Amino acid sequence: MNFVSVWASWRVIAFLGTVLCGFVALASLAKADTSVRKSTVYFTVRGKTASELDSALLRNGPQAGGMARHPGAAQIKFSGDIKYSEAKGRCSVAAARVNLNLKLILPNWKDRNGAPRGLAVLWDSLAGDITRHEERHAEIATQHARQMEQALKSLPPQKTCEAMQALVSTTTDKQIALHDEDQQRFDAIEMANFEARIMRLVKERQAQMQQASAAQ
């Protein structure tokens, strides 16, 4: 039997991050459980003024496909295993598994000691928002990995395995498009309220620090 490999990839560029994703469907024996692997790496940011931190983020942040650098990123890769079976003149999906590899790339400020207190408040607010943003990208990808796997398992039998493979390809493309749309929708919302959100986080952080000082 000739099996086909299905490959699709996309890139979502966000104000606070970058999402890089791909999906491969391979014909092989697989367990039917979505597999999610997640790791976090950090890039160094140095500076003791807001402008220095801004420059360091743009200089050292993750880059994708020749595009501008970003303060953080979520690298997302989907891969999958599909096993087909033939019985009574019909071909069906005997097993399907979607694997998801997530790598978050986040900033690490090295010059915090000795920096002005106000700058630390601003950094904590920004770094926390970057982390939350990339974590949400990972959550969206995880949700769609599970949806993708269920969609593949639910495909109806076809007359031939070639037709089944074509249906797997079409279904994969559709699921990737849905994921793409959700990621872009999330980024659009994030960009629209970025400034207001950061100002709110800074005020909350300042209030927390004032409360802590008063309690001492």
Protein backbone atom coordinates (compact mmCIF):
# COMPACT_ATOMS: atom_id res chain seq x y z
CA MET A 1 0.00 0.00 0.00
CA ASN A 2 1.30 3.47 -0.86
CA PHE A 3 0.90 5.98 1.91
CA VAL A 4 1.06 9.75 1.54
CA SER A 5 2.74 12.31 3.76
CA VAL A 6 0.79 15.46 4.43
CA TRP A 7 2.73 18.60 5.19
CA ALA A 8 1.36 22.04 6.02
CA SER A 9 2.99 24.93 7.82
CA TRP A 10 2.10 28.45 8.82
CA ARG A 11 3.47 31.45 10.67
CA VAL A 12 1.58 33.83 12.94
CA ILE A 13 3.43 37.03 13.82
CA ALA A 14 2.18 38.66 17.04
CA PHE A 15 3.02 41.96 18.69
CA LEU A 16 4.32 40.11 21.73
CA GLY A 17 5.42 36.90 20.08
CA THR A 18 5.81 34.57 17.19
CA VAL A 19 4.14 31.24 16.53
CA LEU A 20 5.84 28.74 14.20
CA CYS A 21 3.90 25.59 13.41
CA GLY A 22 3.86 22.58 11.08
CA PHE A 23 1.91 19.34 10.75
CA VAL A 24 3.04 16.05 9.27
CA ALA A 25 0.79 12.98 8.91
CA LEU A 26 2.81 9.78 8.59
CA ALA A 27 1.51 6.27 7.96
CA SER A 28 2.73 4.17 10.87
CA LEU A 29 1.46 2.30 13.91
CA ALA A 30 0.58 4.70 16.69
CA LYS A 31 -1.14 4.91 20.02
CA ALA A 32 -4.31 6.95 20.02
CA ASP A 33 -3.31 9.54 22.62
CA THR A 34 -2.35 13.14 21.92
CA SER A 35 1.25 13.69 23.02
CA VAL A 36 2.29 17.15 24.24
CA ARG A 37 5.89 18.03 25.01
CA LYS A 38 6.70 21.48 26.33
CA SER A 39 9.97 23.24 27.13
CA THR A 40 11.08 26.79 27.92
CA VAL A 41 14.31 28.53 26.97
CA TYR A 42 15.45 32.06 27.79
CA PHE A 43 17.41 34.72 25.95
CA THR A 44 19.46 37.34 27.79
CA VAL A 45 18.34 40.94 28.10
CA ARG A 46 20.69 43.56 29.57
CA GLY A 47 20.17 47.22 30.42
CA LYS A 48 19.37 49.61 33.27
CA THR A 49 17.06 52.00 31.47
CA ALA A 50 13.79 51.49 29.64
CA SER A 51 15.39 52.36 26.30
CA GLU A 52 18.24 49.91 26.89
CA LEU A 53 15.81 47.11 27.71
CA ASP A 54 13.74 47.95 24.64
CA SER A 55 16.82 47.84 22.42
CA ALA A 56 17.97 44.55 23.99
CA LEU A 57 14.60 42.92 23.39
CA LEU A 58 14.63 43.95 19.73
CA ARG A 59 18.27 42.91 19.31
CA ASN A 60 18.23 39.56 21.13
CA GLY A 61 14.64 38.38 20.86
CA PRO A 62 13.61 35.38 18.74
CA GLN A 63 13.43 35.87 14.99
CA ALA A 64 11.37 33.99 12.42
CA GLY A 65 11.95 33.71 8.69
CA GLY A 66 13.87 36.94 8.34
CA MET A 67 11.13 38.91 10.05
CA ALA A 68 11.65 41.37 12.91
CA ARG A 69 12.68 40.08 16.31
CA HIS A 70 10.12 39.72 19.08
CA PRO A 71 10.10 39.97 22.90
CA GLY A 72 8.99 36.34 23.12
CA ALA A 73 7.88 33.42 20.99
CA ALA A 74 6.07 30.12 21.04
CA GLN A 75 7.54 27.60 18.62
CA ILE A 76 4.89 24.99 17.86
CA LYS A 77 5.30 21.83 15.83
CA PHE A 78 2.57 19.30 15.14
CA SER A 79 3.40 15.83 13.92
CA GLY A 80 1.14 12.84 13.57
CA ASP A 81 0.97 9.12 12.96
CA ILE A 82 -1.81 7.52 10.93
CA LYS A 83 -2.44 3.80 10.42
CA TYR A 84 -4.88 2.68 7.73
CA SER A 85 -6.72 -0.64 7.52
CA GLU A 86 -8.67 -2.33 4.71
CA ALA A 87 -11.66 -4.59 5.32
CA LYS A 88 -14.65 -5.61 3.19
CA GLY A 89 -13.60 -3.35 0.35
CA ARG A 90 -13.35 -0.25 2.54
CA CYS A 91 -10.38 1.67 3.92
CA SER A 92 -10.48 3.40 7.28
CA VAL A 93 -8.25 5.08 9.85
CA ALA A 94 -7.26 2.31 12.25
CA ALA A 95 -5.25 4.57 14.58
CA ALA A 96 -4.36 8.24 14.76
CA ARG A 97 -2.13 10.20 17.05
CA VAL A 98 -1.19 13.88 16.98
CA ASN A 99 2.07 14.90 18.66
CA LEU A 100 2.64 18.47 19.74
CA ASN A 101 6.06 19.94 20.55
CA LEU A 102 6.03 23.33 22.24
CA LYS A 103 9.01 25.55 22.98
CA LEU A 104 8.50 28.89 24.67
CA ILE A 105 11.24 31.48 24.19
CA LEU A 106 11.17 34.13 26.92
CA PRO A 107 13.39 37.04 28.04
CA ASN A 108 15.64 36.94 31.11
CA TRP A 109 16.79 40.31 32.50
CA LYS A 110 20.34 40.03 33.81
CA ASP A 111 20.85 43.60 35.13
CA ARG A 112 18.02 43.77 37.63
CA ASN A 113 20.33 44.39 40.61
CA GLY A 114 21.06 48.09 40.86
CA ALA A 115 18.35 49.12 38.40
CA PRO A 116 15.77 51.74 39.42
CA ARG A 117 12.76 50.38 41.28
CA GLY A 118 10.36 51.81 38.74
CA LEU A 119 12.15 49.98 35.94
CA ALA A 120 11.83 46.71 37.86
CA VAL A 121 8.09 47.29 38.19
CA LEU A 122 7.80 47.96 34.46
CA TRP A 123 9.89 44.87 33.59
CA ASP A 124 7.92 42.56 35.88
CA SER A 125 4.70 43.75 34.29
CA LEU A 126 5.98 43.37 30.73
CA ALA A 127 7.78 40.04 31.28
CA GLY A 128 4.72 38.61 33.00
CA ASP A 129 2.52 39.64 30.11
CA ILE A 130 4.93 38.15 27.55
CA THR A 131 4.91 34.85 29.43
CA ARG A 132 1.12 34.82 29.70
CA HIS A 133 0.81 35.62 26.00
CA GLU A 134 3.08 32.78 24.88
CA GLU A 135 1.48 30.34 27.33
CA ARG A 136 -1.88 31.13 25.77
CA HIS A 137 -0.49 30.40 22.30
CA ALA A 138 0.61 27.02 23.66
CA GLU A 139 -2.85 26.38 25.14
CA ILE A 140 -4.53 27.18 21.83
CA ALA A 141 -2.20 24.79 20.01
CA THR A 142 -2.89 22.05 22.57
CA GLN A 143 -6.63 22.44 22.15
CA HIS A 144 -6.34 22.18 18.40
CA ALA A 145 -3.99 19.19 18.57
CA ARG A 146 -6.70 17.29 20.43
CA GLN A 147 -9.39 18.49 18.04
CA MET A 148 -7.26 17.47 15.08
CA GLU A 149 -6.70 14.00 16.45
CA GLN A 150 -10.41 13.51 17.13
CA ALA A 151 -11.28 14.74 13.66
CA LEU A 152 -8.90 12.19 12.10
CA LYS A 153 -10.27 9.35 14.22
CA SER A 154 -13.83 10.25 13.23
CA LEU A 155 -13.32 10.14 9.47
CA PRO A 156 -15.74 7.79 7.71
CA PRO A 157 -14.34 4.80 5.73
CA GLN A 158 -13.63 5.32 2.04
CA LYS A 159 -13.72 2.98 -0.97
CA THR A 160 -9.94 3.03 -1.35
CA CYS A 161 -6.99 3.92 0.86
CA GLU A 162 -5.98 6.53 -1.70
CA ALA A 163 -9.33 8.22 -1.12
CA MET A 164 -8.86 7.84 2.63
CA GLN A 165 -5.45 9.46 2.42
CA ALA A 166 -6.89 12.34 0.43
CA LEU A 167 -9.57 12.83 3.09
CA VAL A 168 -6.90 12.81 5.81
CA SER A 169 -5.03 15.50 3.88
CA THR A 170 -8.13 17.66 3.47
CA THR A 171 -9.05 17.25 7.12
CA THR A 172 -5.54 18.14 8.25
CA ASP A 173 -5.57 21.28 6.11
CA LYS A 174 -8.91 22.32 7.56
CA GLN A 175 -7.78 21.76 11.15
CA ILE A 176 -4.60 23.74 10.54
CA ALA A 177 -6.64 26.60 9.10
CA LEU A 178 -8.87 26.61 12.19
CA HIS A 179 -5.82 26.72 14.43
CA ASP A 180 -4.34 29.53 12.36
CA GLU A 181 -7.54 31.55 12.65
CA ASP A 182 -7.71 31.13 16.43
CA GLN A 183 -4.08 32.17 16.88
CA GLN A 184 -4.52 35.26 14.70
CA ARG A 185 -7.76 36.17 16.47
CA PHE A 186 -5.99 35.98 19.82
CA ASP A 187 -3.12 38.16 18.57
CA ALA A 188 -5.52 40.77 17.19
CA ILE A 189 -7.23 41.07 20.57
CA GLU A 190 -3.88 41.27 22.36
CA MET A 191 -2.57 44.03 20.09
CA ALA A 192 -5.76 46.07 20.46
CA ASN A 193 -5.54 46.34 24.24
CA PHE A 194 -1.78 46.06 24.80
CA GLU A 195 -1.13 49.55 26.15
CA ALA A 196 -4.12 49.57 28.50
CA ARG A 197 -3.23 46.08 29.73
CA ILE A 198 0.39 46.97 30.51
CA MET A 199 -0.61 50.16 32.35
CA ARG A 200 -3.06 48.17 34.45
CA LEU A 201 -0.39 45.58 35.26
CA VAL A 202 2.11 48.28 36.24
CA LYS A 203 -0.41 49.89 38.60
CA GLU A 204 -1.25 46.53 40.13
CA ARG A 205 2.44 45.75 40.63
CA GLN A 206 3.07 49.15 42.21
CA ALA A 207 0.16 48.66 44.60
CA GLN A 208 1.47 45.23 45.61
CA MET A 209 4.91 46.64 46.35
CA GLN A 210 3.46 49.51 48.38
CA GLN A 211 1.39 47.08 50.43
CA ALA A 212 4.44 44.92 51.04
CA SER A 213 6.48 47.94 52.18
CA ALA A 214 3.71 49.12 54.50
CA ALA A 215 3.48 45.67 56.09
CA GLN A 216 7.16 45.63 57.02
